[in-house]
Amino acid sequence: MAASGKAQAGGRRTIFITGAASGIGLATAKRFAHGGWFVGLADIDTKGLAAALDAIGPDNGLAGRLDVRDRGAWKRELAAFARATGGRLDVLVNNAGVAKGGYLEAQTPDEIDLQVDVNLKGVLNGCRAAFDLLAATPEAQVVNVASVAGVVAVPRASVYTATKFAVRGLSEALDAEFARVGVGVRCIMPWFIDTPLLDKARFYGNEDLRVSLREQKMAVYPVEDVSEAIWSAVNGKPRLHHLVGGQARHVGWLSRLAPDLVRKRLRRQIEAM
């Protein structure tokens, strides 16, 4: 894990964030650095990481290339982070994710594998690799960034949805498992957020997701809403599930109250496409 000079935590609380070069990860890094934390920035985008480290201040963290699918890379980057923090890891944020849209039969095997490997296996890899550091840090926490797609299935995003349901289920299981060593778990489930993912994914037709959402007049929330939710989840009263955005909370409520109605609406949405 590279840094500007030899940045050290110096007794500060520490957080390690995947997908930290942009979007939710970068906003979270800025929020916690502003709050006085020492931040580990991890991503496959090395140029983005350099800019992210500049944004939070080189003395406030370390940056290192990490492909969350690579278990060996997890071990190396966490070891480097631990050297800078004296073996302390207060919070692990599993945020890295990818999305590919389209009907299941239209998605390629590589697209399916990529989503499962990054969105689910990447989280599993992180939780396993960081376990010893978390267990050795009093009141440590894991924050898994899922999605409202982990609450209500999104048509033409079946693989992405499956991974986010899995992350939600994993978080619930680990909340019980990790309690035995004093580690808390939080699961963040945002509505559509204004991140670069909107410019890369295509769920509805041939247009970028951002354009599709605009045409359908769907709400898109600022990335700072999620970083503030993560800050509150870590520093507030212990609570596992955190829906982010008014639409996410509404859909979460509706899915509990009238799940059949939600499924009928989803089918009508597909029929209208």
Protein backbone atom coordinates (compact mmCIF):
# COMPACT_ATOMS: atom_id res chain seq x y z
CA MET A 1 0.00 0.00 0.00
CA ALA A 2 1.59 3.20 -1.21
CA ALA A 3 1.38 6.59 0.38
CA SER A 4 2.76 10.06 0.26
CA GLY A 5 5.83 9.65 2.43
CA LYS A 6 5.26 7.40 5.43
CA ALA A 7 1.82 8.37 6.63
CA GLN A 8 0.94 6.90 10.00
CA ALA A 9 -2.33 6.74 11.89
CA GLY A 10 -0.80 8.24 15.01
CA GLY A 11 -3.47 6.98 17.39
CA ARG A 12 -6.39 8.02 15.18
CA ARG A 13 -9.34 5.74 14.47
CA THR A 14 -8.90 3.92 11.19
CA ILE A 15 -11.04 2.90 8.24
CA PHE A 16 -10.25 0.83 5.15
CA ILE A 17 -12.45 1.44 2.09
CA THR A 18 -12.69 -0.51 -1.16
CA GLY A 19 -13.80 1.21 -4.34
CA ALA A 20 -12.35 4.37 -2.83
CA ALA A 21 -11.23 6.11 -6.02
CA SER A 22 -14.67 7.47 -6.88
CA GLY A 23 -18.33 7.59 -5.98
CA ILE A 24 -19.48 6.37 -2.59
CA GLY A 25 -16.00 5.18 -1.62
CA LEU A 26 -14.37 8.54 -2.28
CA ALA A 27 -17.14 10.49 -0.55
CA THR A 28 -16.83 8.20 2.46
CA ALA A 29 -13.05 8.64 2.54
CA LYS A 30 -13.47 12.43 2.53
CA ARG A 31 -16.11 12.30 5.27
CA PHE A 32 -14.03 10.19 7.61
CA ALA A 33 -10.79 12.07 6.93
CA HIS A 34 -12.67 15.27 7.73
CA GLY A 35 -13.76 13.62 10.96
CA GLY A 36 -10.15 12.97 11.94
CA TRP A 37 -9.85 9.34 10.89
CA PHE A 38 -6.91 7.66 9.14
CA VAL A 39 -8.15 6.24 5.83
CA GLY A 40 -7.00 3.27 3.77
CA LEU A 41 -7.94 3.87 0.13
CA ALA A 42 -8.21 0.74 -2.02
CA ASP A 43 -9.25 0.44 -5.68
CA ILE A 44 -8.11 -0.94 -9.03
CA ASP A 45 -7.98 2.62 -10.42
CA THR A 46 -4.48 3.78 -9.54
CA LYS A 47 -4.86 7.25 -11.06
CA GLY A 48 -8.09 7.73 -9.20
CA LEU A 49 -6.44 6.58 -5.99
CA ALA A 50 -3.68 9.17 -6.34
CA ALA A 51 -6.28 11.90 -6.77
CA ALA A 52 -8.29 10.53 -3.84
CA LEU A 53 -5.23 10.62 -1.57
CA ASP A 54 -4.60 14.22 -2.58
CA ALA A 55 -8.25 15.01 -1.85
CA ILE A 56 -8.14 13.71 1.72
CA GLY A 57 -4.59 14.92 2.38
CA PRO A 58 -1.53 12.67 2.12
CA ASP A 59 -1.02 12.65 5.89
CA ASN A 60 -4.53 11.30 6.42
CA GLY A 61 -4.21 7.95 4.73
CA LEU A 62 -2.63 5.39 2.48
CA ALA A 63 -3.59 4.36 -1.05
CA GLY A 64 -3.05 0.96 -2.62
CA ARG A 65 -4.24 -0.94 -5.67
CA LEU A 66 -6.61 -3.73 -4.69
CA ASP A 67 -8.66 -6.04 -6.87
CA VAL A 68 -11.17 -7.37 -4.34
CA ARG A 69 -11.29 -10.68 -6.21
CA ASP A 70 -7.62 -11.31 -5.36
CA ARG A 71 -7.23 -12.88 -1.91
CA GLY A 72 -3.47 -12.43 -1.98
CA ALA A 73 -3.86 -8.72 -2.70
CA TRP A 74 -6.24 -8.39 0.25
CA LYS A 75 -3.59 -9.92 2.51
CA ARG A 76 -0.84 -7.63 1.23
CA GLU A 77 -2.81 -4.39 1.40
CA LEU A 78 -4.23 -5.04 4.85
CA ALA A 79 -0.77 -5.95 6.12
CA ALA A 80 0.60 -2.64 4.83
CA PHE A 81 -2.34 -0.80 6.38
CA ALA A 82 -1.75 -2.54 9.70
CA ARG A 83 1.89 -1.45 9.71
CA ALA A 84 0.76 2.16 9.43
CA THR A 85 -1.94 1.83 12.10
CA GLY A 86 -0.15 -0.28 14.67
CA GLY A 87 -2.43 -3.22 13.87
CA ARG A 88 -5.64 -1.22 14.29
CA LEU A 89 -8.67 -1.49 11.97
CA ASP A 90 -11.76 0.19 13.38
CA VAL A 91 -13.94 -0.05 10.28
CA LEU A 92 -13.81 -2.07 7.06
CA VAL A 93 -16.05 -0.71 4.29
CA ASN A 94 -16.78 -3.22 1.53
CA ASN A 95 -17.94 -0.81 -1.14
CA ALA A 96 -16.42 -1.94 -4.47
CA GLY A 97 -19.08 -3.05 -6.92
CA VAL A 98 -20.02 -3.36 -10.57
CA ALA A 99 -23.36 -3.52 -12.38
CA LYS A 100 -24.29 -5.00 -15.74
CA GLY A 101 -27.86 -4.74 -16.98
CA GLY A 102 -30.07 -6.66 -19.38
CA TYR A 103 -32.18 -9.77 -19.31
CA LEU A 104 -30.37 -12.75 -17.80
CA GLU A 105 -30.14 -14.61 -21.09
CA ALA A 106 -28.59 -11.55 -22.74
CA GLN A 107 -25.78 -11.20 -20.21
CA THR A 108 -22.53 -12.90 -21.10
CA PRO A 109 -20.89 -15.46 -18.80
CA ASP A 110 -18.06 -12.99 -18.20
CA GLU A 111 -20.51 -10.25 -17.18
CA ILE A 112 -22.26 -12.62 -14.79
CA ASP A 113 -19.00 -13.84 -13.28
CA LEU A 114 -17.66 -10.30 -12.86
CA GLN A 115 -20.68 -9.17 -10.84
CA VAL A 116 -20.67 -12.24 -8.62
CA ASP A 117 -16.91 -12.12 -8.14
CA VAL A 118 -16.70 -8.40 -7.27
CA ASN A 119 -20.03 -7.74 -5.56
CA LEU A 120 -20.26 -10.90 -3.47
CA LYS A 121 -16.96 -12.76 -3.43
CA GLY A 122 -15.11 -9.47 -2.96
CA VAL A 123 -17.09 -8.82 0.21
CA LEU A 124 -16.48 -12.36 1.46
CA ASN A 125 -12.77 -11.99 0.74
CA GLY A 126 -12.63 -8.70 2.62
CA CYS A 127 -14.45 -9.96 5.68
CA ARG A 128 -12.20 -13.02 5.92
CA ALA A 129 -8.96 -11.17 5.26
CA ALA A 130 -9.72 -8.43 7.80
CA PHE A 131 -11.13 -10.68 10.51
CA ASP A 132 -8.04 -10.85 12.72
CA LEU A 133 -7.42 -7.09 12.57
CA LEU A 134 -11.07 -6.35 13.31
CA ALA A 135 -11.21 -8.82 16.17
CA ALA A 136 -8.09 -7.27 17.70
CA THR A 137 -9.57 -3.74 17.58
CA PRO A 138 -12.09 -2.88 20.30
CA GLU A 139 -15.58 -2.07 18.97
CA ALA A 140 -14.57 -2.61 15.35
CA GLN A 141 -17.19 -2.70 12.62
CA VAL A 142 -17.78 -4.01 9.11
CA VAL A 143 -19.86 -1.87 6.75
CA ASN A 144 -21.15 -3.70 3.67
CA VAL A 145 -22.57 -1.47 0.94
CA ALA A 146 -25.45 -3.33 -0.68
CA SER A 147 -28.35 -1.61 -2.44
CA VAL A 148 -32.10 -1.19 -2.38
CA ALA A 149 -31.78 -3.94 -5.01
CA GLY A 150 -31.05 -6.14 -2.02
CA VAL A 151 -34.54 -5.41 -0.72
CA VAL A 152 -36.63 -5.39 -3.91
CA ALA A 153 -35.60 -7.19 -7.09
CA VAL A 154 -34.72 -4.95 -10.04
CA PRO A 155 -35.91 -6.18 -13.45
CA ARG A 156 -33.22 -6.54 -16.09
CA ALA A 157 -30.61 -6.55 -13.35
CA SER A 158 -31.12 -10.05 -12.02
CA VAL A 159 -27.46 -10.87 -11.38
CA TYR A 160 -26.73 -7.54 -9.74
CA THR A 161 -29.87 -7.95 -7.65
CA ALA A 162 -28.85 -11.47 -6.63
CA THR A 163 -25.46 -10.24 -5.42
CA LYS A 164 -27.02 -7.45 -3.37
CA PHE A 165 -29.57 -9.78 -1.78
CA ALA A 166 -26.62 -12.02 -0.95
CA VAL A 167 -24.65 -9.17 0.64
CA ARG A 168 -27.67 -8.30 2.73
CA GLY A 169 -28.02 -11.92 3.85
CA LEU A 170 -24.29 -12.21 4.49
CA SER A 171 -24.44 -9.08 6.63
CA GLU A 172 -27.26 -10.51 8.72
CA ALA A 173 -25.37 -13.77 9.27
CA LEU A 174 -22.10 -12.01 10.12
CA ASP A 175 -23.91 -9.69 12.52
CA ALA A 176 -24.52 -12.79 14.63
CA GLU A 177 -21.19 -14.49 13.92
CA PHE A 178 -18.92 -11.51 14.50
CA ALA A 179 -20.69 -10.50 17.70
CA ARG A 180 -18.81 -13.26 19.47
CA VAL A 181 -15.56 -11.31 18.98
CA GLY A 182 -17.08 -7.89 19.55
CA VAL A 183 -17.25 -6.80 15.90
CA GLY A 184 -20.40 -5.05 14.67
CA VAL A 185 -21.87 -5.24 11.19
CA ARG A 186 -23.79 -2.59 9.23
CA CYS A 187 -25.50 -3.02 5.86
CA ILE A 188 -26.05 0.13 3.77
CA MET A 189 -28.79 -0.06 1.12
CA PRO A 190 -29.00 3.08 -1.03
CA TRP A 191 -31.46 4.04 -3.74
CA PHE A 192 -29.93 5.18 -7.05
CA ILE A 193 -26.95 7.38 -6.21
CA ASP A 194 -25.14 9.88 -8.42
CA THR A 195 -21.94 7.92 -9.05
CA PRO A 196 -19.96 6.86 -12.16
CA LEU A 197 -21.85 3.54 -12.08
CA LEU A 198 -24.85 5.35 -13.60
CA ASP A 199 -22.76 6.13 -16.67
CA LYS A 200 -21.57 2.54 -17.12
CA ALA A 201 -24.59 0.35 -16.40
CA ARG A 202 -27.49 -0.20 -18.78
CA PHE A 203 -30.53 -1.76 -17.12
CA TYR A 204 -33.24 -0.43 -19.43
CA GLY A 205 -32.48 -0.63 -23.14
CA ASN A 206 -29.44 0.81 -24.88
CA GLU A 207 -29.10 3.99 -22.84
CA ASP A 208 -26.84 4.59 -19.87
CA LEU A 209 -28.66 4.13 -16.61
CA ARG A 210 -28.40 7.84 -15.83
CA VAL A 211 -30.36 8.70 -18.99
CA SER A 212 -32.94 5.98 -18.34
CA LEU A 213 -33.55 7.19 -14.80
CA ARG A 214 -33.97 10.76 -16.01
CA GLU A 215 -36.51 9.68 -18.64
CA GLN A 216 -38.42 7.66 -16.06
CA LYS A 217 -38.28 10.60 -13.63
CA MET A 218 -36.73 8.45 -10.90
CA ALA A 219 -34.96 10.08 -7.99
CA VAL A 220 -31.17 10.09 -7.92
CA TYR A 221 -29.58 11.04 -4.60
CA PRO A 222 -26.22 12.76 -4.01
CA VAL A 223 -23.30 10.58 -3.02
CA GLU A 224 -22.90 12.54 0.22
CA ASP A 225 -26.20 11.06 1.44
CA VAL A 226 -24.51 7.65 1.54
CA SER A 227 -21.27 8.84 3.11
CA GLU A 228 -23.28 10.56 5.84
CA ALA A 229 -25.32 7.39 6.33
CA ILE A 230 -22.12 5.38 6.74
CA TRP A 231 -20.76 7.96 9.19
CA SER A 232 -23.98 7.79 11.21
CA ALA A 233 -24.09 3.99 11.06
CA VAL A 234 -20.55 3.76 12.43
CA ASN A 235 -20.89 6.46 15.08
CA GLY A 236 -24.54 6.13 16.07
CA LYS A 237 -26.57 3.52 17.89
CA PRO A 238 -25.92 -0.04 16.69
CA ARG A 239 -28.32 -0.95 13.88
CA LEU A 240 -27.80 -3.48 11.10
CA HIS A 241 -29.88 -2.18 8.19
CA HIS A 242 -29.67 1.36 6.79
CA LEU A 243 -31.81 2.34 3.81
CA VAL A 244 -30.54 5.54 2.16
CA GLY A 245 -32.87 7.92 0.35
CA GLY A 246 -36.57 8.58 0.75
CA GLN A 247 -37.44 6.30 -2.15
CA ALA A 248 -35.41 3.46 -0.66
CA ARG A 249 -37.23 3.79 2.66
CA HIS A 250 -40.60 3.91 0.89
CA VAL A 251 -39.84 0.81 -1.20
CA GLY A 252 -38.50 -1.01 1.86
CA TRP A 253 -41.70 -0.22 3.75
CA LEU A 254 -43.91 -1.22 0.81
CA SER A 255 -42.05 -4.50 0.27
CA ARG A 256 -42.75 -5.49 3.86
CA LEU A 257 -46.36 -4.35 3.82
CA ALA A 258 -47.44 -5.54 0.36
CA PRO A 259 -44.79 -7.73 -1.32
CA ASP A 260 -47.23 -9.08 -3.93
CA LEU A 261 -48.06 -5.55 -5.02
CA VAL A 262 -44.37 -4.78 -5.48
CA ARG A 263 -43.86 -7.86 -7.65
CA LYS A 264 -46.91 -6.99 -9.79
CA ARG A 265 -45.50 -3.51 -10.34
CA LEU A 266 -42.19 -4.99 -11.41
CA ARG A 267 -43.90 -7.25 -13.93
CA ARG A 268 -45.85 -4.32 -15.34
CA GLN A 269 -42.61 -2.39 -15.63
CA ILE A 270 -41.13 -5.14 -17.78
CA GLU A 271 -44.28 -5.37 -19.93
CA ALA A 272 -44.07 -1.63 -20.59
CA MET A 273 -40.51 -1.83 -21.91
